[in-house]
Amino acid sequence: MSLGRLTQLISLVDKEDYHLAGVRKRLFSNDCSVDTSRLQHLLADDIGIDRLESFGAKFGRMQDTVVDKIIPAVLIAAGEPVAAAIDNLARMERLELIASADEWLQMRGLRNRLVHEYIDRPADLAPALERACRFSERMHADYACIRRYAVGRLGAEVPSSGLRNPDSP
């Protein structure tokens, strides 16, 4: 995989990170808390439901892009072996490019719940949303580390898209 492809992927995830941060900000308070009354208000309103669905979709999309595309591209560019996602995540943790492979695996288990659980079991949604909000913060921080490494150490060039998350490097 070329550095050009890595650059394209970074540009893509920059946008995904920006949009995920935006919907997270519109959906949650600063501390990611979701109480029952707030959740009931969200579920009673079309805009609230749209934000929940948007957050779930953007959470899953960014996670998929990072795990399935960025991480293998970074490993290849760094001359590292590429394996199954679980092994790649463990390798990224050993390289100190993500904080915890286990958290990323938990994120992957949570993403489907966000899309379907508000319909099937709304009572379980509040804690799942809080976890996803915190995980989205972890995903943002880990992606920032991966991005710095790809640009600073691997030489990936990143075109300006105008959509960078202001909290990103």
Protein backbone atom coordinates (compact mmCIF):
# COMPACT_ATOMS: atom_id res chain seq x y z
CA MET A 1 0.00 0.00 0.00
CA SER A 2 1.38 3.38 -0.98
CA LEU A 3 1.80 6.51 1.09
CA GLY A 4 -0.69 8.08 -1.32
CA ARG A 5 -3.36 5.62 -0.19
CA LEU A 6 -2.46 6.25 3.46
CA THR A 7 -2.82 9.99 2.80
CA GLN A 8 -6.27 9.41 1.28
CA LEU A 9 -7.33 7.34 4.28
CA ILE A 10 -6.11 9.99 6.73
CA SER A 11 -8.08 12.62 4.84
CA LEU A 12 -11.17 10.37 5.03
CA VAL A 13 -10.82 9.70 8.77
CA ASP A 14 -10.17 13.40 9.42
CA LYS A 15 -13.65 14.01 8.00
CA GLU A 16 -15.19 11.10 9.89
CA ASP A 17 -13.60 12.34 13.11
CA TYR A 18 -14.91 15.86 12.49
CA HIS A 19 -18.48 14.68 11.85
CA LEU A 20 -18.48 12.23 14.77
CA ALA A 21 -17.27 14.99 17.11
CA GLY A 22 -20.02 17.26 15.82
CA VAL A 23 -22.86 14.82 16.41
CA ARG A 24 -21.36 13.81 19.77
CA LYS A 25 -21.39 17.48 20.80
CA ARG A 26 -25.02 17.89 19.71
CA LEU A 27 -26.12 14.67 21.44
CA PHE A 28 -24.24 14.67 24.74
CA SER A 29 -23.23 16.99 27.51
CA ASN A 30 -19.51 17.51 28.02
CA ASP A 31 -19.26 14.55 30.38
CA CYS A 32 -21.08 11.99 28.19
CA SER A 33 -23.83 11.50 30.77
CA VAL A 34 -27.23 10.30 29.60
CA ASP A 35 -29.96 10.03 32.20
CA THR A 36 -33.36 8.42 31.73
CA SER A 37 -35.24 11.68 31.25
CA ARG A 38 -32.76 12.92 28.64
CA LEU A 39 -33.02 9.61 26.81
CA GLN A 40 -36.83 9.68 26.87
CA HIS A 41 -36.72 13.22 25.47
CA LEU A 42 -34.41 12.08 22.65
CA LEU A 43 -36.58 9.08 21.80
CA ALA A 44 -39.76 11.19 21.75
CA ASP A 45 -38.41 13.56 19.12
CA ASP A 46 -37.58 12.89 15.47
CA ILE A 47 -34.48 15.10 15.71
CA GLY A 48 -33.34 13.18 18.80
CA ILE A 49 -33.81 9.85 17.06
CA ASP A 50 -31.97 11.17 14.00
CA ARG A 51 -29.05 12.26 16.21
CA LEU A 52 -28.96 8.87 17.93
CA GLU A 53 -28.91 7.10 14.58
CA SER A 54 -26.34 9.53 13.19
CA PHE A 55 -24.08 9.05 16.19
CA GLY A 56 -24.34 5.25 15.93
CA ALA A 57 -23.62 5.28 12.20
CA LYS A 58 -20.69 7.70 12.47
CA PHE A 59 -19.29 5.82 15.48
CA GLY A 60 -19.38 2.54 13.54
CA ARG A 61 -18.08 4.04 10.31
CA MET A 62 -15.04 5.71 11.85
CA GLN A 63 -14.26 2.61 13.85
CA ASP A 64 -14.48 0.43 10.77
CA THR A 65 -12.27 2.76 8.74
CA VAL A 66 -9.62 2.96 11.44
CA VAL A 67 -9.55 -0.77 12.21
CA ASP A 68 -10.06 -2.15 8.71
CA LYS A 69 -8.16 0.43 6.63
CA ILE A 70 -5.95 2.91 8.50
CA ILE A 71 -4.34 0.44 10.89
CA PRO A 72 -3.35 -2.06 8.14
CA ALA A 73 -2.08 0.83 5.96
CA VAL A 74 0.05 2.20 8.82
CA LEU A 75 1.42 -1.25 9.64
CA ILE A 76 2.34 -1.88 5.99
CA ALA A 77 3.99 1.54 5.65
CA ALA A 78 5.95 0.86 8.84
CA GLY A 79 7.12 -2.52 7.55
CA GLU A 80 5.07 -4.43 10.12
CA PRO A 81 3.10 -7.59 9.41
CA VAL A 82 -0.64 -7.29 8.89
CA ALA A 83 -2.92 -9.95 10.36
CA ALA A 84 -6.46 -10.23 11.68
CA ALA A 85 -7.99 -7.11 13.22
CA ILE A 86 -7.49 -8.37 16.79
CA ASP A 87 -3.79 -8.99 16.12
CA ASN A 88 -3.38 -5.64 14.37
CA LEU A 89 -4.96 -3.87 17.35
CA ALA A 90 -2.61 -5.69 19.72
CA ARG A 91 0.35 -4.65 17.56
CA MET A 92 -0.81 -1.02 17.55
CA GLU A 93 -1.04 -1.14 21.35
CA ARG A 94 2.50 -2.54 21.60
CA LEU A 95 3.67 0.27 19.30
CA GLU A 96 1.86 2.70 21.65
CA LEU A 97 -0.28 4.03 18.82
CA ILE A 98 -3.54 3.12 20.59
CA ALA A 99 -4.14 3.03 24.33
CA SER A 100 -5.92 -0.33 24.53
CA ALA A 101 -6.71 -3.07 22.04
CA ASP A 102 -9.34 -4.37 24.47
CA GLU A 103 -11.20 -1.06 24.38
CA TRP A 104 -11.25 -1.18 20.58
CA LEU A 105 -12.68 -4.70 20.70
CA GLN A 106 -15.34 -3.50 23.14
CA MET A 107 -16.15 -0.64 20.76
CA ARG A 108 -16.71 -3.11 17.96
CA GLY A 109 -19.12 -5.08 20.14
CA LEU A 110 -21.02 -1.93 21.07
CA ARG A 111 -21.62 -0.46 17.62
CA ASN A 112 -24.55 -2.69 16.59
CA ARG A 113 -26.28 -2.09 19.89
CA LEU A 114 -26.39 1.63 19.18
CA VAL A 115 -28.24 1.17 15.94
CA HIS A 116 -30.87 -1.34 17.10
CA GLU A 117 -31.20 -1.19 20.86
CA TYR A 118 -33.16 2.03 21.11
CA ILE A 119 -35.95 0.21 19.27
CA ASP A 120 -35.71 -3.15 21.04
CA ARG A 121 -34.57 -2.24 24.58
CA PRO A 122 -34.46 1.49 25.30
CA ALA A 123 -33.71 0.83 28.99
CA ASP A 124 -30.31 -0.56 28.01
CA LEU A 125 -29.56 2.33 25.68
CA ALA A 126 -28.48 4.97 28.24
CA PRO A 127 -25.44 3.06 29.56
CA ALA A 128 -24.55 1.93 26.02
CA LEU A 129 -24.65 5.54 24.82
CA GLU A 130 -22.46 6.69 27.69
CA ARG A 131 -19.91 3.98 26.89
CA ALA A 132 -20.01 4.84 23.20
CA CYS A 133 -19.48 8.53 23.95
CA ARG A 134 -16.43 7.72 26.07
CA PHE A 135 -15.20 5.27 23.44
CA SER A 136 -15.61 7.94 20.76
CA GLU A 137 -13.31 10.16 22.82
CA ARG A 138 -10.79 7.29 23.04
CA MET A 139 -11.13 6.67 19.31
CA HIS A 140 -10.46 10.37 18.65
CA ALA A 141 -7.36 10.38 20.88
CA ASP A 142 -6.00 7.15 19.41
CA TYR A 143 -6.61 8.32 15.86
CA ALA A 144 -4.75 11.56 16.64
CA CYS A 145 -1.77 9.46 17.77
CA ILE A 146 -1.94 7.25 14.67
CA ARG A 147 -2.21 10.34 12.46
CA ARG A 148 0.81 12.02 14.07
CA TYR A 149 2.83 8.84 13.54
CA ALA A 150 1.73 8.44 9.91
CA VAL A 151 2.52 12.05 9.07
CA GLY A 152 5.60 12.55 11.25
CA ARG A 153 7.31 9.17 11.01
CA LEU A 154 5.99 7.59 7.82
CA GLY A 155 5.86 10.71 5.66
CA ALA A 156 2.18 10.67 4.78
CA GLU A 157 1.05 14.01 3.41
CA VAL A 158 -2.32 15.30 4.43
CA PRO A 159 -4.20 17.73 2.22
CA SER A 160 -6.23 20.37 4.00
CA SER A 161 -9.91 19.46 3.88
CA GLY A 162 -11.19 22.26 6.08
CA LEU A 163 -13.03 19.65 8.16
CA ARG A 164 -10.39 18.75 10.75
CA ASN A 165 -11.63 18.34 14.27
CA PRO A 166 -10.24 21.39 16.12
CA ASP A 167 -9.09 19.10 18.96
CA SER A 168 -6.95 17.05 16.54
CA PRO A 169 -3.25 17.64 15.95
